[in-house]
């Protein structure tokens, strides 16, 4: 069951399935399943989780923990993105000084950076 709620490149379980497994893992003390379902649930958008009726029957500590984990994932993604942006700006200012847009990035570096951020966001799902 733990593998059934894990996200893979070819499979993403539904929010309903993840919440159902999390509910049963909490209810019956299934730690491995709880851990897998928890990590997957933290990667769903809040709206998707909140639409699942059973989500509201989870213990408050579980729902709060999901949202705290989600917040940490988003904060880490932001930190990584900002670090990467600073590195890209420094590199662009050295090698593409004449074509920079303002004091940021040239259009080519901006496009490549945008693609990278889109990939990073996709990995959060």
PDB file of N, CA and C in Angstrom:
ATOM      1  N   UNK A   1       0.814  -1.184   0.000  1.00  0.00           N
ATOM      2  CA  UNK A   1       0.000   0.000   0.000  1.00  0.00           C
ATOM      3  C   UNK A   1       0.864   1.257   0.000  1.00  0.00           C
ATOM      4  N   UNK A   2       2.009   1.196   0.644  1.00  0.00           N
ATOM      5  CA  UNK A   2       2.896   2.364   0.685  1.00  0.00           C
ATOM      6  C   UNK A   2       3.346   2.764  -0.709  1.00  0.00           C
ATOM      7  N   UNK A   3       3.654   1.781  -1.535  1.00  0.00           N
ATOM      8  CA  UNK A   3       4.078   2.060  -2.913  1.00  0.00           C
ATOM      9  C   UNK A   3       2.925   2.614  -3.747  1.00  0.00           C
ATOM     10  N   UNK A   4       1.707   2.264  -3.392  1.00  0.00           N
ATOM     11  CA  UNK A   4       0.527   2.681  -4.144  1.00  0.00           C
ATOM     12  C   UNK A   4       0.242   4.176  -4.010  1.00  0.00           C
ATOM     13  N   UNK A   5       0.811   4.844  -3.013  1.00  0.00           N
ATOM     14  CA  UNK A   5       0.598   6.279  -2.847  1.00  0.00           C
ATOM     15  C   UNK A   5       1.837   7.109  -3.158  1.00  0.00           C
ATOM     16  N   UNK A   6       2.891   6.468  -3.630  1.00  0.00           N
ATOM     17  CA  UNK A   6       4.098   7.198  -3.986  1.00  0.00           C
ATOM     18  C   UNK A   6       3.984   7.749  -5.401  1.00  0.00           C
ATOM     19  N   UNK A   7       4.504   8.951  -5.587  1.00  0.00           N
ATOM     20  CA  UNK A   7       4.522   9.587  -6.901  1.00  0.00           C
ATOM     21  C   UNK A   7       5.740   9.077  -7.657  1.00  0.00           C
ATOM     22  N   UNK A   8       5.535   8.661  -8.894  1.00  0.00           N
ATOM     23  CA  UNK A   8       6.625   8.244  -9.774  1.00  0.00           C
ATOM     24  C   UNK A   8       6.505   9.053 -11.059  1.00  0.00           C
ATOM     25  N   UNK A   9       7.490   8.983 -11.945  1.00  0.00           N
ATOM     26  CA  UNK A   9       7.382   9.725 -13.202  1.00  0.00           C
ATOM     27  C   UNK A   9       6.140   9.342 -14.028  1.00  0.00           C
ATOM     28  N   UNK A  10       5.663   8.123 -13.873  1.00  0.00           N
ATOM     29  CA  UNK A  10       4.523   7.667 -14.675  1.00  0.00           C
ATOM     30  C   UNK A  10       3.217   7.570 -13.902  1.00  0.00           C
ATOM     31  N   UNK A  11       3.243   7.897 -12.611  1.00  0.00           N
ATOM     32  CA  UNK A  11       2.038   7.695 -11.804  1.00  0.00           C
ATOM     33  C   UNK A  11       1.945   8.717 -10.681  1.00  0.00           C
ATOM     34  N   UNK A  12       0.788   9.337 -10.576  1.00  0.00           N
ATOM     35  CA  UNK A  12       0.471  10.209  -9.456  1.00  0.00           C
ATOM     36  C   UNK A  12      -0.869   9.759  -8.900  1.00  0.00           C
ATOM     37  N   UNK A  13      -0.902   9.316  -7.655  1.00  0.00           N
ATOM     38  CA  UNK A  13      -2.178   8.887  -7.077  1.00  0.00           C
ATOM     39  C   UNK A  13      -3.116  10.078  -6.902  1.00  0.00           C
ATOM     40  N   UNK A  14      -4.391   9.805  -6.816  1.00  0.00           N
ATOM     41  CA  UNK A  14      -5.354  10.884  -6.617  1.00  0.00           C
ATOM     42  C   UNK A  14      -5.269  11.381  -5.172  1.00  0.00           C
ATOM     43  N   UNK A  15      -5.688  12.603  -4.963  1.00  0.00           N
ATOM     44  CA  UNK A  15      -5.715  13.161  -3.613  1.00  0.00           C
ATOM     45  C   UNK A  15      -6.641  12.333  -2.735  1.00  0.00           C
ATOM     46  N   UNK A  16      -7.734  11.881  -3.316  1.00  0.00           N
ATOM     47  CA  UNK A  16      -8.694  11.077  -2.560  1.00  0.00           C
ATOM     48  C   UNK A  16      -8.048   9.780  -2.048  1.00  0.00           C
ATOM     49  N   UNK A  17      -7.284   9.119  -2.910  1.00  0.00           N
ATOM     50  CA  UNK A  17      -6.619   7.871  -2.511  1.00  0.00           C
ATOM     51  C   UNK A  17      -5.601   8.137  -1.411  1.00  0.00           C
ATOM     52  N   UNK A  18      -4.823   9.177  -1.562  1.00  0.00           N
ATOM     53  CA  UNK A  18      -3.790   9.489  -0.570  1.00  0.00           C
ATOM     54  C   UNK A  18      -4.426   9.798   0.782  1.00  0.00           C
ATOM     55  N   UNK A  19      -5.478  10.595   0.772  1.00  0.00           N
ATOM     56  CA  UNK A  19      -6.152  10.937   2.027  1.00  0.00           C
ATOM     57  C   UNK A  19      -6.787   9.699   2.657  1.00  0.00           C
ATOM     58  N   UNK A  20      -7.397   8.860   1.842  1.00  0.00           N
ATOM     59  CA  UNK A  20      -8.009   7.630   2.356  1.00  0.00           C
ATOM     60  C   UNK A  20      -6.952   6.738   3.014  1.00  0.00           C
ATOM     61  N   UNK A  21      -5.811   6.569   2.345  1.00  0.00           N
ATOM     62  CA  UNK A  21      -4.733   5.753   2.912  1.00  0.00           C
ATOM     63  C   UNK A  21      -4.186   6.397   4.186  1.00  0.00           C
ATOM     64  N   UNK A  22      -4.066   7.698   4.183  1.00  0.00           N
ATOM     65  CA  UNK A  22      -3.572   8.394   5.361  1.00  0.00           C
ATOM     66  C   UNK A  22      -4.541   8.234   6.534  1.00  0.00           C
ATOM     67  N   UNK A  23      -5.815   8.312   6.244  1.00  0.00           N
ATOM     68  CA  UNK A  23      -6.838   8.133   7.270  1.00  0.00           C
ATOM     69  C   UNK A  23      -6.725   6.734   7.898  1.00  0.00           C
ATOM     70  N   UNK A  24      -6.626   5.714   7.055  1.00  0.00           N
ATOM     71  CA  UNK A  24      -6.533   4.347   7.559  1.00  0.00           C
ATOM     72  C   UNK A  24      -5.191   4.090   8.261  1.00  0.00           C
ATOM     73  N   UNK A  25      -4.126   4.701   7.768  1.00  0.00           N
ATOM     74  CA  UNK A  25      -2.823   4.558   8.416  1.00  0.00           C
ATOM     75  C   UNK A  25      -2.867   5.157   9.814  1.00  0.00           C
ATOM     76  N   UNK A  26      -3.493   6.323   9.944  1.00  0.00           N
ATOM     77  CA  UNK A  26      -3.655   6.938  11.269  1.00  0.00           C
ATOM     78  C   UNK A  26      -4.511   6.065  12.173  1.00  0.00           C
ATOM     79  N   UNK A  27      -5.606   5.592  11.623  1.00  0.00           N
ATOM     80  CA  UNK A  27      -6.575   4.820  12.406  1.00  0.00           C
ATOM     81  C   UNK A  27      -5.986   3.504  12.932  1.00  0.00           C
ATOM     82  N   UNK A  28      -5.199   2.830  12.095  1.00  0.00           N
ATOM     83  CA  UNK A  28      -4.692   1.501  12.462  1.00  0.00           C
ATOM     84  C   UNK A  28      -3.205   1.476  12.815  1.00  0.00           C
ATOM     85  N   UNK A  29      -2.577   2.649  12.902  1.00  0.00           N
ATOM     86  CA  UNK A  29      -1.179   2.715  13.313  1.00  0.00           C
ATOM     87  C   UNK A  29      -0.202   2.121  12.314  1.00  0.00           C
ATOM     88  N   UNK A  30      -0.457   2.282  11.029  1.00  0.00           N
ATOM     89  CA  UNK A  30       0.418   1.751   9.972  1.00  0.00           C
ATOM     90  C   UNK A  30       1.470   2.810   9.629  1.00  0.00           C
ATOM     91  N   UNK A  31       2.596   2.745  10.311  1.00  0.00           N
ATOM     92  CA  UNK A  31       3.600   3.802  10.231  1.00  0.00           C
ATOM     93  C   UNK A  31       4.210   3.979   8.844  1.00  0.00           C
ATOM     94  N   UNK A  32       4.551   2.891   8.169  1.00  0.00           N
ATOM     95  CA  UNK A  32       5.166   3.006   6.839  1.00  0.00           C
ATOM     96  C   UNK A  32       4.186   3.632   5.853  1.00  0.00           C
ATOM     97  N   UNK A  33       2.954   3.201   5.909  1.00  0.00           N
ATOM     98  CA  UNK A  33       1.930   3.766   5.030  1.00  0.00           C
ATOM     99  C   UNK A  33       1.674   5.226   5.381  1.00  0.00           C
ATOM    100  N   UNK A  34       1.655   5.524   6.655  1.00  0.00           N
ATOM    101  CA  UNK A  34       1.433   6.902   7.088  1.00  0.00           C
ATOM    102  C   UNK A  34       2.537   7.814   6.554  1.00  0.00           C
ATOM    103  N   UNK A  35       3.758   7.366   6.630  1.00  0.00           N
ATOM    104  CA  UNK A  35       4.888   8.164   6.154  1.00  0.00           C
ATOM    105  C   UNK A  35       4.799   8.409   4.650  1.00  0.00           C
ATOM    106  N   UNK A  36       4.528   7.366   3.877  1.00  0.00           N
ATOM    107  CA  UNK A  36       4.417   7.508   2.420  1.00  0.00           C
ATOM    108  C   UNK A  36       3.261   8.420   2.035  1.00  0.00           C
ATOM    109  N   UNK A  37       2.117   8.193   2.656  1.00  0.00           N
ATOM    110  CA  UNK A  37       0.931   8.998   2.336  1.00  0.00           C
ATOM    111  C   UNK A  37       1.126  10.446   2.765  1.00  0.00           C
ATOM    112  N   UNK A  38       1.764  10.647   3.895  1.00  0.00           N
ATOM    113  CA  UNK A  38       2.033  11.997   4.392  1.00  0.00           C
ATOM    114  C   UNK A  38       2.906  12.785   3.420  1.00  0.00           C
ATOM    115  N   UNK A  39       4.008  12.172   2.980  1.00  0.00           N
ATOM    116  CA  UNK A  39       4.921  12.857   2.052  1.00  0.00           C
ATOM    117  C   UNK A  39       4.229  13.184   0.733  1.00  0.00           C
ATOM    118  N   UNK A  40       3.405  12.270   0.246  1.00  0.00           N
ATOM    119  CA  UNK A  40       2.685  12.522  -0.998  1.00  0.00           C
ATOM    120  C   UNK A  40       1.639  13.605  -0.789  1.00  0.00           C
ATOM    121  N   UNK A  41       0.915  13.554   0.308  1.00  0.00           N
ATOM    122  CA  UNK A  41      -0.120  14.549   0.600  1.00  0.00           C
ATOM    123  C   UNK A  41       0.479  15.950   0.676  1.00  0.00           C
ATOM    124  N   UNK A  42       1.673  16.070   1.209  1.00  0.00           N
ATOM    125  CA  UNK A  42       2.318  17.378   1.342  1.00  0.00           C
ATOM    126  C   UNK A  42       2.653  17.993  -0.017  1.00  0.00           C
ATOM    127  N   UNK A  43       2.662  17.193  -1.055  1.00  0.00           N
ATOM    128  CA  UNK A  43       2.976  17.695  -2.395  1.00  0.00           C
ATOM    129  C   UNK A  43       1.727  18.077  -3.195  1.00  0.00           C
ATOM    130  N   UNK A  44       0.559  17.777  -2.660  1.00  0.00           N
ATOM    131  CA  UNK A  44      -0.681  18.180  -3.321  1.00  0.00           C
ATOM    132  C   UNK A  44      -0.995  19.634  -2.983  1.00  0.00           C
ATOM    133  N   UNK A  45      -1.674  20.303  -3.883  1.00  0.00           N
ATOM    134  CA  UNK A  45      -2.127  21.651  -3.583  1.00  0.00           C
ATOM    135  C   UNK A  45      -3.170  21.577  -2.482  1.00  0.00           C
ATOM    136  N   UNK A  46      -3.192  22.580  -1.646  1.00  0.00           N
ATOM    137  CA  UNK A  46      -4.123  22.619  -0.518  1.00  0.00           C
ATOM    138  C   UNK A  46      -5.564  22.435  -0.968  1.00  0.00           C
ATOM    139  N   UNK A  47      -5.939  23.088  -2.053  1.00  0.00           N
ATOM    140  CA  UNK A  47      -7.315  22.982  -2.557  1.00  0.00           C
ATOM    141  C   UNK A  47      -7.690  21.545  -2.881  1.00  0.00           C
ATOM    142  N   UNK A  48      -6.758  20.798  -3.465  1.00  0.00           N
ATOM    143  CA  UNK A  48      -7.036  19.404  -3.823  1.00  0.00           C
ATOM    144  C   UNK A  48      -7.292  18.555  -2.583  1.00  0.00           C
ATOM    145  N   UNK A  49      -6.523  18.797  -1.537  1.00  0.00           N
ATOM    146  CA  UNK A  49      -6.710  18.035  -0.297  1.00  0.00           C
ATOM    147  C   UNK A  49      -8.029  18.419   0.380  1.00  0.00           C
ATOM    148  N   UNK A  50      -8.309  19.693   0.404  1.00  0.00           N
ATOM    149  CA  UNK A  50      -9.495  20.183   1.098  1.00  0.00           C
ATOM    150  C   UNK A  50     -10.797  19.752   0.430  1.00  0.00           C
ATOM    151  N   UNK A  51     -10.746  19.415  -0.830  1.00  0.00           N
ATOM    152  CA  UNK A  51     -11.940  18.941  -1.550  1.00  0.00           C
ATOM    153  C   UNK A  51     -12.321  17.515  -1.152  1.00  0.00           C
ATOM    154  N   UNK A  52     -11.377  16.788  -0.582  1.00  0.00           N
ATOM    155  CA  UNK A  52     -11.628  15.407  -0.174  1.00  0.00           C
ATOM    156  C   UNK A  52     -12.319  15.437   1.195  1.00  0.00           C
ATOM    157  N   UNK A  53     -13.522  14.942   1.255  1.00  0.00           N
ATOM    158  CA  UNK A  53     -14.319  14.990   2.480  1.00  0.00           C
ATOM    159  C   UNK A  53     -13.613  14.334   3.668  1.00  0.00           C
ATOM    160  N   UNK A  54     -12.970  13.219   3.427  1.00  0.00           N
ATOM    161  CA  UNK A  54     -12.298  12.471   4.487  1.00  0.00           C
ATOM    162  C   UNK A  54     -11.121  13.249   5.087  1.00  0.00           C
ATOM    163  N   UNK A  55     -10.590  14.206   4.326  1.00  0.00           N
ATOM    164  CA  UNK A  55      -9.478  15.021   4.814  1.00  0.00           C
ATOM    165  C   UNK A  55      -9.841  15.694   6.137  1.00  0.00           C
ATOM    166  N   UNK A  56     -11.085  16.130   6.252  1.00  0.00           N
ATOM    167  CA  UNK A  56     -11.531  16.857   7.441  1.00  0.00           C
ATOM    168  C   UNK A  56     -11.760  15.933   8.632  1.00  0.00           C
ATOM    169  N   UNK A  57     -11.672  14.632   8.399  1.00  0.00           N
ATOM    170  CA  UNK A  57     -11.801  13.666   9.495  1.00  0.00           C
ATOM    171  C   UNK A  57     -10.441  13.211  10.023  1.00  0.00           C
ATOM    172  N   UNK A  58      -9.385  13.656   9.375  1.00  0.00           N
ATOM    173  CA  UNK A  58      -8.040  13.347   9.872  1.00  0.00           C
ATOM    174  C   UNK A  58      -7.805  14.109  11.170  1.00  0.00           C
ATOM    175  N   UNK A  59      -6.953  13.587  12.047  1.00  0.00           N
ATOM    176  CA  UNK A  59      -6.634  14.326  13.276  1.00  0.00           C
ATOM    177  C   UNK A  59      -6.027  15.697  12.933  1.00  0.00           C
ATOM    178  N   UNK A  60      -6.374  16.721  13.692  1.00  0.00           N
ATOM    179  CA  UNK A  60      -5.832  18.063  13.421  1.00  0.00           C
ATOM    180  C   UNK A  60      -4.307  18.103  13.362  1.00  0.00           C
ATOM    181  N   UNK A  61      -3.643  17.294  14.170  1.00  0.00           N
ATOM    182  CA  UNK A  61      -2.180  17.279  14.141  1.00  0.00           C
ATOM    183  C   UNK A  61      -1.679  16.781  12.780  1.00  0.00           C
ATOM    184  N   UNK A  62      -2.403  15.859  12.164  1.00  0.00           N
ATOM    185  CA  UNK A  62      -2.002  15.334  10.853  1.00  0.00           C
ATOM    186  C   UNK A  62      -2.178  16.397   9.775  1.00  0.00           C
ATOM    187  N   UNK A  63      -3.346  17.054   9.752  1.00  0.00           N
ATOM    188  CA  UNK A  63      -3.577  18.080   8.726  1.00  0.00           C
ATOM    189  C   UNK A  63      -2.610  19.243   8.891  1.00  0.00           C
ATOM    190  N   UNK A  64      -2.360  19.640  10.120  1.00  0.00           N
ATOM    191  CA  UNK A  64      -1.413  20.731  10.366  1.00  0.00           C
ATOM    192  C   UNK A  64      -0.011  20.324   9.912  1.00  0.00           C
ATOM    193  N   UNK A  65       0.370  19.097  10.212  1.00  0.00           N
ATOM    194  CA  UNK A  65       1.697  18.612   9.815  1.00  0.00           C
ATOM    195  C   UNK A  65       1.852  18.569   8.301  1.00  0.00           C
ATOM    196  N   UNK A  66       0.789  18.211   7.606  1.00  0.00           N
ATOM    197  CA  UNK A  66       0.832  18.199   6.133  1.00  0.00           C
ATOM    198  C   UNK A  66       1.103  19.605   5.613  1.00  0.00           C
ATOM    199  N   UNK A  67       0.371  20.577   6.154  1.00  0.00           N
ATOM    200  CA  UNK A  67       0.539  21.945   5.669  1.00  0.00           C
ATOM    201  C   UNK A  67       1.888  22.537   6.068  1.00  0.00           C
ATOM    202  N   UNK A  68       2.398  22.168   7.226  1.00  0.00           N
ATOM    203  CA  UNK A  68       3.731  22.630   7.634  1.00  0.00           C
ATOM    204  C   UNK A  68       4.789  22.025   6.705  1.00  0.00           C
ATOM    205  N   UNK A  69       4.655  20.736   6.395  1.00  0.00           N
ATOM    206  CA  UNK A  69       5.605  20.080   5.480  1.00  0.00           C
ATOM    207  C   UNK A  69       5.538  20.724   4.102  1.00  0.00           C
ATOM    208  N   UNK A  70       4.319  21.019   3.635  1.00  0.00           N
ATOM    209  CA  UNK A  70       4.145  21.673   2.340  1.00  0.00           C
ATOM    210  C   UNK A  70       4.811  23.051   2.342  1.00  0.00           C
ATOM    211  N   UNK A  71       4.637  23.786   3.411  1.00  0.00           N
ATOM    212  CA  UNK A  71       5.259  25.103   3.524  1.00  0.00           C
ATOM    213  C   UNK A  71       6.780  24.992   3.453  1.00  0.00           C
ATOM    214  N   UNK A  72       7.335  24.001   4.137  1.00  0.00           N
ATOM    215  CA  UNK A  72       8.790  23.809   4.110  1.00  0.00           C
ATOM    216  C   UNK A  72       9.278  23.449   2.705  1.00  0.00           C
ATOM    217  N   UNK A  73       8.517  22.612   2.011  1.00  0.00           N
ATOM    218  CA  UNK A  73       8.886  22.264   0.635  1.00  0.00           C
ATOM    219  C   UNK A  73       8.898  23.507  -0.253  1.00  0.00           C
ATOM    220  N   UNK A  74       7.888  24.343  -0.096  1.00  0.00           N
ATOM    221  CA  UNK A  74       7.806  25.561  -0.904  1.00  0.00           C
ATOM    222  C   UNK A  74       8.908  26.554  -0.535  1.00  0.00           C
ATOM    223  N   UNK A  75       9.208  26.675   0.742  1.00  0.00           N
ATOM    224  CA  UNK A  75      10.285  27.564   1.171  1.00  0.00           C
ATOM    225  C   UNK A  75      11.632  27.094   0.645  1.00  0.00           C
ATOM    226  N   UNK A  76      11.872  25.781   0.676  1.00  0.00           N
ATOM    227  CA  UNK A  76      13.126  25.247   0.139  1.00  0.00           C
ATOM    228  C   UNK A  76      13.221  25.480  -1.360  1.00  0.00           C
ATOM    229  N   UNK A  77      12.110  25.315  -2.059  1.00  0.00           N
ATOM    230  CA  UNK A  77      12.097  25.558  -3.502  1.00  0.00           C
ATOM    231  C   UNK A  77      12.392  27.028  -3.796  1.00  0.00           C
ATOM    232  N   UNK A  78      11.814  27.931  -3.018  1.00  0.00           N
ATOM    233  CA  UNK A  78      12.065  29.353  -3.199  1.00  0.00           C
ATOM    234  C   UNK A  78      13.533  29.681  -2.947  1.00  0.00           C
ATOM    235  N   UNK A  79      14.095  29.126  -1.870  1.00  0.00           N
ATOM    236  CA  UNK A  79      15.495  29.372  -1.531  1.00  0.00           C
ATOM    237  C   UNK A  79      16.410  28.894  -2.658  1.00  0.00           C
ATOM    238  N   UNK A  80      16.156  27.704  -3.167  1.00  0.00           N
ATOM    239  CA  UNK A  80      16.943  27.152  -4.270  1.00  0.00           C
ATOM    240  C   UNK A  80      16.822  28.028  -5.517  1.00  0.00           C
ATOM    241  N   UNK A  81      15.612  28.479  -5.797  1.00  0.00           N
ATOM    242  CA  UNK A  81      15.371  29.319  -6.972  1.00  0.00           C
ATOM    243  C   UNK A  81      16.101  30.649  -6.842  1.00  0.00           C
ATOM    244  N   UNK A  82      16.035  31.269  -5.686  1.00  0.00           N
ATOM    245  CA  UNK A  82      16.690  32.560  -5.489  1.00  0.00           C
ATOM    246  C   UNK A  82      18.214  32.432  -5.567  1.00  0.00           C
ATOM    247  N   UNK A  83      18.752  31.355  -5.022  1.00  0.00           N
ATOM    248  CA  UNK A  83      20.195  31.126  -5.120  1.00  0.00           C
ATOM    249  C   UNK A  83      20.608  30.945  -6.574  1.00  0.00           C
ATOM    250  N   UNK A  84      19.827  30.162  -7.292  1.00  0.00           N
ATOM    251  CA  UNK A  84      20.105  29.927  -8.709  1.00  0.00           C
ATOM    252  C   UNK A  84      19.996  31.215  -9.515  1.00  0.00           C
ATOM    253  N   UNK A  85      19.009  32.041  -9.185  1.00  0.00           N
ATOM    254  CA  UNK A  85      18.839  33.316  -9.892  1.00  0.00           C
ATOM    255  C   UNK A  85      20.049  34.212  -9.677  1.00  0.00           C
ATOM    256  N   UNK A  86      20.532  34.304  -8.453  1.00  0.00           N
ATOM    257  CA  UNK A  86      21.718  35.132  -8.172  1.00  0.00           C
ATOM    258  C   UNK A  86      22.928  34.632  -8.949  1.00  0.00           C
ATOM    259  N   UNK A  87      23.109  33.307  -8.981  1.00  0.00           N
ATOM    260  CA  UNK A  87      24.225  32.731  -9.730  1.00  0.00           C
ATOM    261  C   UNK A  87      24.098  33.057 -11.215  1.00  0.00           C
ATOM    262  N   UNK A  88      22.887  32.907 -11.749  1.00  0.00           N
ATOM    263  CA  UNK A  88      22.643  33.177 -13.167  1.00  0.00           C
ATOM    264  C   UNK A  88      22.861  34.662 -13.469  1.00  0.00           C
ATOM    265  N   UNK A  89      22.425  35.551 -12.576  1.00  0.00           N
ATOM    266  CA  UNK A  89      22.627  36.991 -12.776  1.00  0.00           C
ATOM    267  C   UNK A  89      24.110  37.332 -12.815  1.00  0.00           C
ATOM    268  N   UNK A  90      24.878  36.743 -11.896  1.00  0.00           N
ATOM    269  CA  UNK A  90      26.321  37.000 -11.873  1.00  0.00           C
ATOM    270  C   UNK A  90      26.983  36.513 -13.150  1.00  0.00           C
ATOM    271  N   UNK A  91      26.625  35.323 -13.574  1.00  0.00           N
ATOM    272  CA  UNK A  91      27.190  34.765 -14.803  1.00  0.00           C
ATOM    273  C   UNK A  91      26.788  35.588 -16.021  1.00  0.00           C
ATOM    274  N   UNK A  92      25.532  35.957 -16.088  1.00  0.00           N
ATOM    275  CA  UNK A  92      25.033  36.721 -17.231  1.00  0.00           C
ATOM    276  C   UNK A  92      25.709  38.096 -17.300  1.00  0.00           C
ATOM    277  N   UNK A  93      25.903  38.736 -16.130  1.00  0.00           N
ATOM    278  CA  UNK A  93      26.527  40.062 -16.132  1.00  0.00           C
ATOM    279  C   UNK A  93      27.977  39.989 -16.593  1.00  0.00           C
ATOM    280  N   UNK A  94      28.623  38.838 -16.412  1.00  0.00           N
ATOM    281  CA  UNK A  94      30.001  38.673 -16.876  1.00  0.00           C
ATOM    282  C   UNK A  94      30.084  38.402 -18.374  1.00  0.00           C
ATOM    283  N   UNK A  95      29.230  37.493 -18.853  1.00  0.00           N
ATOM    284  CA  UNK A  95      29.353  37.019 -20.228  1.00  0.00           C
ATOM    285  C   UNK A  95      28.398  37.680 -21.216  1.00  0.00           C
ATOM    286  N   UNK A  96      27.317  38.262 -20.742  1.00  0.00           N
ATOM    287  CA  UNK A  96      26.319  38.857 -21.645  1.00  0.00           C
ATOM    288  C   UNK A  96      26.013  40.296 -21.239  1.00  0.00           C
ATOM    289  N   UNK A  97      27.001  40.992 -20.758  1.00  0.00           N
ATOM    290  CA  UNK A  97      26.830  42.343 -20.206  1.00  0.00           C
ATOM    291  C   UNK A  97      26.076  43.274 -21.143  1.00  0.00           C
ATOM    292  N   UNK A  98      26.375  43.222 -22.427  1.00  0.00           N
ATOM    293  CA  UNK A  98      25.774  44.155 -23.377  1.00  0.00           C
ATOM    294  C   UNK A  98      24.319  43.840 -23.704  1.00  0.00           C
ATOM    295  N   UNK A  99      23.874  42.625 -23.444  1.00  0.00           N
ATOM    296  CA  UNK A  99      22.501  42.269 -23.803  1.00  0.00           C
ATOM    297  C   UNK A  99      21.586  42.045 -22.595  1.00  0.00           C
ATOM    298  N   UNK A 100      22.036  42.455 -21.394  1.00  0.00           N
ATOM    299  CA  UNK A 100      21.209  42.279 -20.193  1.00  0.00           C
ATOM    300  C   UNK A 100      20.026  43.234 -20.221  1.00  0.00           C
ATOM    301  N   UNK A 101      18.915  42.762 -19.703  1.00  0.00           N
ATOM    302  CA  UNK A 101      17.707  43.573 -19.570  1.00  0.00           C
ATOM    303  C   UNK A 101      17.789  44.268 -18.216  1.00  0.00           C
ATOM    304  N   UNK A 102      18.112  45.541 -18.223  1.00  0.00           N
ATOM    305  CA  UNK A 102      18.336  46.240 -16.957  1.00  0.00           C
ATOM    306  C   UNK A 102      19.604  45.688 -16.335  1.00  0.00           C
ATOM    307  N   UNK A 103      19.587  45.420 -15.050  1.00  0.00           N
ATOM    308  CA  UNK A 103      20.759  44.841 -14.413  1.00  0.00           C
ATOM    309  C   UNK A 103      20.463  43.409 -13.978  1.00  0.00           C
ATOM    310  N   UNK A 104      19.594  42.736 -14.728  1.00  0.00           N
ATOM    311  CA  UNK A 104      19.199  41.370 -14.405  1.00  0.00           C
ATOM    312  C   UNK A 104      19.810  40.373 -15.394  1.00  0.00           C
ATOM    313  N   UNK A 105      18.976  39.837 -16.282  1.00  0.00           N
ATOM    314  CA  UNK A 105      19.387  38.780 -17.196  1.00  0.00           C
ATOM    315  C   UNK A 105      19.115  39.163 -18.641  1.00  0.00           C
ATOM    316  N   UNK A 106      19.924  38.618 -19.544  1.00  0.00           N
ATOM    317  CA  UNK A 106      19.622  38.770 -20.967  1.00  0.00           C
ATOM    318  C   UNK A 106      18.431  37.859 -21.286  1.00  0.00           C
ATOM    319  N   UNK A 107      17.836  38.054 -22.441  1.00  0.00           N
ATOM    320  CA  UNK A 107      16.629  37.290 -22.772  1.00  0.00           C
ATOM    321  C   UNK A 107      16.915  35.782 -22.841  1.00  0.00           C
ATOM    322  N   UNK A 108      18.078  35.380 -23.335  1.00  0.00           N
ATOM    323  CA  UNK A 108      18.419  33.960 -23.430  1.00  0.00           C
ATOM    324  C   UNK A 108      18.555  33.337 -22.031  1.00  0.00           C
ATOM    325  N   UNK A 109      19.253  34.015 -21.137  1.00  0.00           N
ATOM    326  CA  UNK A 109      19.419  33.497 -19.774  1.00  0.00           C
ATOM    327  C   UNK A 109      18.084  33.494 -19.034  1.00  0.00           C
ATOM    328  N   UNK A 110      17.275  34.500 -19.268  1.00  0.00           N
ATOM    329  CA  UNK A 110      15.964  34.573 -18.625  1.00  0.00           C
ATOM    330  C   UNK A 110      15.090  33.406 -19.067  1.00  0.00           C
ATOM    331  N   UNK A 111      15.119  33.090 -20.359  1.00  0.00           N
ATOM    332  CA  UNK A 111      14.327  31.978 -20.881  1.00  0.00           C
ATOM    333  C   UNK A 111      14.809  30.650 -20.287  1.00  0.00           C
ATOM    334  N   UNK A 112      16.110  30.447 -20.248  1.00  0.00           N
ATOM    335  CA  UNK A 112      16.654  29.209 -19.685  1.00  0.00           C
ATOM    336  C   UNK A 112      16.346  29.093 -18.189  1.00  0.00           C
ATOM    337  N   UNK A 113      16.421  30.212 -17.491  1.00  0.00           N
ATOM    338  CA  UNK A 113      16.109  30.197 -16.067  1.00  0.00           C
ATOM    339  C   UNK A 113      14.631  29.866 -15.856  1.00  0.00           C
ATOM    340  N   UNK A 114      13.756  30.425 -16.670  1.00  0.00           N
ATOM    341  CA  UNK A 114      12.327  30.144 -16.585  1.00  0.00           C
ATOM    342  C   UNK A 114      12.028  28.666 -16.791  1.00  0.00           C
ATOM    343  N   UNK A 115      12.709  28.048 -17.746  1.00  0.00           N
ATOM    344  CA  UNK A 115      12.528  26.612 -17.985  1.00  0.00           C
ATOM    345  C   UNK A 115      12.956  25.800 -16.762  1.00  0.00           C
ATOM    346  N   UNK A 116      14.049  26.211 -16.158  1.00  0.00           N
ATOM    347  CA  UNK A 116      14.546  25.485 -14.981  1.00  0.00           C
ATOM    348  C   UNK A 116      13.573  25.609 -13.813  1.00  0.00           C
ATOM    349  N   UNK A 117      13.046  26.800 -13.587  1.00  0.00           N
ATOM    350  CA  UNK A 117      12.088  27.014 -12.500  1.00  0.00           C
ATOM    351  C   UNK A 117      10.830  26.190 -12.753  1.00  0.00           C
ATOM    352  N   UNK A 118      10.369  26.142 -13.996  1.00  0.00           N
ATOM    353  CA  UNK A 118       9.180  25.352 -14.333  1.00  0.00           C
ATOM    354  C   UNK A 118       9.419  23.871 -14.019  1.00  0.00           C
ATOM    355  N   UNK A 119      10.612  23.372 -14.329  1.00  0.00           N
ATOM    356  CA  UNK A 119      10.963  21.983 -14.009  1.00  0.00           C
ATOM    357  C   UNK A 119      10.969  21.749 -12.500  1.00  0.00           C
ATOM    358  N   UNK A 120      11.543  22.701 -11.764  1.00  0.00           N
ATOM    359  CA  UNK A 120      11.602  22.579 -10.295  1.00  0.00           C
ATOM    360  C   UNK A 120      10.201  22.564  -9.695  1.00  0.00           C
ATOM    361  N   UNK A 121       9.319  23.381 -10.210  1.00  0.00           N
ATOM    362  CA  UNK A 121       7.939  23.415  -9.721  1.00  0.00           C
ATOM    363  C   UNK A 121       7.249  22.104 -10.033  1.00  0.00           C
ATOM    364  N   UNK A 122       7.490  21.563 -11.203  1.00  0.00           N
ATOM    365  CA  UNK A 122       6.880  20.294 -11.592  1.00  0.00           C
ATOM    366  C   UNK A 122       7.320  19.170 -10.654  1.00  0.00           C
ATOM    367  N   UNK A 123       8.564  19.220 -10.196  1.00  0.00           N
ATOM    368  CA  UNK A 123       9.082  18.192  -9.283  1.00  0.00           C
ATOM    369  C   UNK A 123       8.407  18.244  -7.919  1.00  0.00           C
ATOM    370  N   UNK A 124       7.847  19.378  -7.551  1.00  0.00           N
ATOM    371  CA  UNK A 124       7.142  19.494  -6.275  1.00  0.00           C
ATOM    372  C   UNK A 124       5.844  18.716  -6.276  1.00  0.00           C
ATOM    373  N   UNK A 125       5.333  18.464  -7.438  1.00  0.00           N
ATOM    374  CA  UNK A 125       4.038  17.771  -7.521  1.00  0.00           C
ATOM    375  C   UNK A 125       4.177  16.303  -7.264  1.00  0.00           C
TER     376      UNK A 125
END
